[in-house]
Protein backbone atom coordinates (compact mmCIF):
# COMPACT_ATOMS: atom_id res chain seq x y z
CA MET A 1 9.76 8.54 18.32
CA ILE A 2 8.76 5.18 17.63
CA SER A 3 11.43 2.71 17.13
CA TYR A 4 10.19 -0.12 14.31
CA THR A 5 11.27 -2.39 11.68
CA ILE A 6 9.74 -3.07 8.36
CA ILE A 7 9.39 -6.90 7.14
CA PRO A 8 7.43 -9.01 4.94
CA ILE A 9 4.23 -10.14 6.66
CA LYS A 10 3.76 -13.43 8.28
CA SER A 11 0.65 -15.35 8.92
CA GLU A 12 0.67 -14.65 12.47
CA HIS A 13 0.20 -10.96 11.43
CA ASP A 14 -2.92 -11.56 9.53
CA LEU A 15 -5.46 -11.04 12.32
CA ARG A 16 -4.00 -7.68 13.50
CA ILE A 17 -3.41 -6.01 10.15
CA SER A 18 -7.00 -7.07 9.28
CA GLN A 19 -8.17 -5.34 12.29
CA ILE A 20 -5.90 -2.16 11.68
CA ILE A 21 -7.22 -2.06 7.78
CA GLN A 22 -10.89 -2.47 8.68
CA ALA A 23 -10.85 0.11 11.62
CA GLY A 24 -9.17 2.58 9.08
CA GLY A 25 -11.82 1.70 6.61
CA ARG A 26 -14.52 2.82 9.17
CA GLU A 27 -12.67 5.86 10.42
CA PHE A 28 -12.55 7.02 6.81
CA GLY A 29 -15.88 5.88 5.51
CA ALA A 30 -14.40 3.02 3.31
CA ILE A 31 -17.07 0.48 4.33
CA GLY A 32 -18.70 -1.80 1.68
CA ASP A 33 -18.13 -3.15 -1.79
CA GLY A 34 -15.81 -0.95 -3.74
CA PHE A 35 -13.56 -0.36 -0.73
CA GLY A 36 -10.13 -1.85 0.04
CA PRO A 37 -10.93 -2.75 3.45
CA SER A 38 -13.82 -5.14 2.19
CA ASP A 39 -11.64 -7.01 -0.08
CA SER A 40 -11.63 -10.78 1.02
CA GLU A 41 -7.98 -10.79 1.06
CA VAL A 42 -7.92 -8.53 4.09
CA THR A 43 -8.56 -11.58 6.42
CA ALA A 44 -5.35 -13.32 5.23
CA MET A 45 -2.91 -10.74 3.73
CA SER A 46 0.16 -13.08 4.07
CA HIS A 47 -1.52 -15.79 1.73
CA HIS A 48 -2.53 -13.10 -0.89
CA TYR A 49 0.84 -11.31 -1.08
CA PRO A 50 3.62 -14.15 -1.43
CA LEU A 51 6.74 -12.44 -2.18
CA ASN A 52 7.67 -14.84 -5.19
CA THR A 53 4.46 -13.69 -7.29
CA ARG A 54 5.50 -10.01 -8.06
CA SER A 55 3.75 -8.85 -5.07
CA GLY A 56 4.31 -8.37 -1.32
CA TYR A 57 2.95 -6.97 1.71
CA PHE A 58 5.16 -5.35 4.55
CA VAL A 59 4.37 -4.79 8.15
CA ALA A 60 5.92 -2.17 10.60
CA LEU A 61 6.72 -3.64 13.83
CA THR A 62 7.91 -2.22 17.13
CA THR A 63 10.81 -3.70 19.01
CA ASN A 64 7.98 -5.26 21.38
CA GLU A 65 6.57 -6.80 18.07
CA GLU A 66 3.60 -4.59 18.12
CA LEU A 67 1.98 -4.33 14.66
CA LEU A 68 1.75 -0.52 13.63
CA GLY A 69 0.56 -0.95 10.20
CA GLY A 70 1.36 -2.19 6.60
CA ALA A 71 1.20 -1.48 2.90
CA GLY A 72 1.93 -3.69 -0.04
CA ILE A 73 2.45 -3.97 -3.72
CA ALA A 74 0.62 -6.33 -6.22
CA PRO A 75 0.10 -6.45 -10.12
CA LEU A 76 -2.71 -4.24 -11.46
CA GLY A 77 -4.91 -6.05 -13.63
CA THR A 78 -3.33 -7.45 -16.97
CA TYR A 79 -0.62 -4.80 -17.04
CA SER A 80 2.88 -6.17 -17.02
CA ASP A 81 4.65 -2.99 -15.98
CA ILE A 82 2.15 -1.27 -13.59
CA CYS A 83 1.78 -2.39 -9.89
CA GLU A 84 -0.77 -1.17 -7.25
CA LEU A 85 0.23 0.25 -3.90
CA LYS A 86 -2.30 -1.69 -1.65
CA LYS A 87 -3.86 -1.05 1.78
CA LEU A 88 -1.44 1.43 3.47
CA TYR A 89 -3.27 1.53 6.82
CA LEU A 90 -1.52 2.71 10.25
CA LEU A 91 -2.92 2.57 13.66
CA PRO A 92 -4.05 6.11 14.82
CA GLU A 93 -1.15 6.39 17.35
CA ALA A 94 1.51 5.41 14.81
CA ARG A 95 0.68 8.20 12.32
CA GLY A 96 2.85 11.36 12.09
CA TYR A 97 6.19 9.51 12.87
CA GLY A 98 7.10 8.81 9.08
CA ILE A 99 6.00 5.01 9.31
CA GLY A 100 3.69 5.56 6.44
CA GLU A 101 6.15 6.97 4.20
CA ALA A 102 8.85 4.49 5.13
CA LEU A 103 6.39 1.67 4.32
CA THR A 104 5.41 3.31 0.88
CA ARG A 105 9.14 3.81 0.14
CA HIS A 106 9.77 0.25 0.93
CA CYS A 107 7.11 -0.80 -1.38
CA LEU A 108 8.25 1.50 -4.29
CA THR A 109 11.85 0.01 -3.69
CA PHE A 110 10.29 -3.32 -3.89
CA ALA A 111 8.33 -2.60 -7.02
CA GLN A 112 11.22 -1.19 -8.75
CA GLN A 113 13.25 -4.45 -7.97
CA LEU A 114 10.38 -6.41 -9.53
CA HIS A 115 10.86 -4.22 -12.84
CA TYR A 116 7.61 -2.32 -12.48
CA ARG A 117 7.60 1.02 -14.42
CA HIS A 118 4.87 2.64 -12.67
CA THR A 119 2.99 2.35 -9.25
CA TYR A 120 -0.93 3.16 -9.22
CA LEU A 121 -2.91 3.87 -6.34
CA ASP A 122 -6.69 4.70 -5.63
CA THR A 123 -7.71 6.31 -2.07
CA LEU A 124 -10.54 8.57 -1.03
CA SER A 125 -10.43 12.45 -0.94
CA THR A 126 -11.31 12.18 2.99
CA MET A 127 -7.63 10.70 3.43
CA ASN A 128 -5.98 14.04 3.28
CA ALA A 129 -2.85 13.05 5.02
CA ALA A 130 -2.30 10.15 2.86
CA ILE A 131 -2.91 12.08 -0.35
CA GLN A 132 -0.32 14.67 0.64
CA LEU A 133 2.08 11.86 1.44
CA TYR A 134 1.54 10.48 -2.06
CA LYS A 135 2.18 13.79 -3.68
CA LYS A 136 5.34 14.29 -1.63
CA LEU A 137 6.61 11.06 -3.04
CA GLY A 138 5.96 11.95 -6.58
CA PHE A 139 2.47 10.47 -7.28
CA GLN A 140 0.31 12.37 -9.80
CA GLN A 141 -3.27 12.69 -9.65
CA LEU A 142 -5.21 11.04 -12.54
CA SER A 143 -8.63 12.16 -13.97
CA ALA A 144 -10.11 8.52 -13.83
CA PRO A 145 -9.10 5.03 -12.46
CA LEU A 146 -6.93 2.70 -14.69
CA GLU A 147 -8.56 -0.05 -16.45
CA GLY A 148 -8.49 -3.08 -14.06
CA ALA A 149 -8.79 -0.99 -10.94
CA THR A 150 -11.18 -2.76 -8.57
CA HIS A 151 -12.17 -0.19 -5.82
CA SER A 152 -15.08 1.50 -7.59
CA GLN A 153 -15.83 3.83 -4.70
CA CYS A 154 -12.55 5.47 -4.62
CA ASP A 155 -12.45 9.05 -5.83
CA ILE A 156 -8.94 9.89 -6.09
CA TRP A 157 -6.43 7.93 -8.45
CA MET A 158 -2.72 8.32 -8.59
CA MET A 159 0.23 7.29 -10.53
CA LYS A 160 3.97 7.46 -10.12
CA THR A 161 6.66 6.62 -12.73
CA LEU A 162 9.39 4.66 -11.23
CA PRO A 163 13.04 5.25 -11.78
CA ASN A 164 14.55 2.94 -14.69
CA ASN A 165 17.02 0.61 -12.79
CA ASN A 166 18.04 -0.96 -16.00
CA LYS A 167 20.05 1.90 -17.33
CA ILE A 168 23.56 0.87 -18.50
CA HIS A 169 26.05 2.96 -16.59
CA ALA A 170 29.26 4.11 -18.66
């Protein structure tokens, strides 16, 4: 069991989360143009995901302030109602404890609060544990990427419809 909290990323987390994302990219063969770990934002995630811009990036920290991983939400292309789950990466030793699921659920709740209707993601078929997590959380596999998706080398595309939090209760 690992004790951790999930908080919005701060600038002091940028270097460590960049290292985690890039190491994850190498581990799963996501290296070079067309893969998330090569995006320019990876070096300064806190600056690319300010919470007041319909985006946010969150990190899981132990009680000792060790960064275990992170995940984020950002608008997808020109869609007003679709966000993208971005850069869910964990340290290898942090996997299997439910941290990835907690980060994803946190991001989905955040997306719902921002009134997104759908969450899109792209990933690689080599990331089996992540794909199983996404399926468990209700993501459905698509046959092709959505227009506006930027990771041309990914081979798995998924979407989840978020619950409508604007329903009128009788």
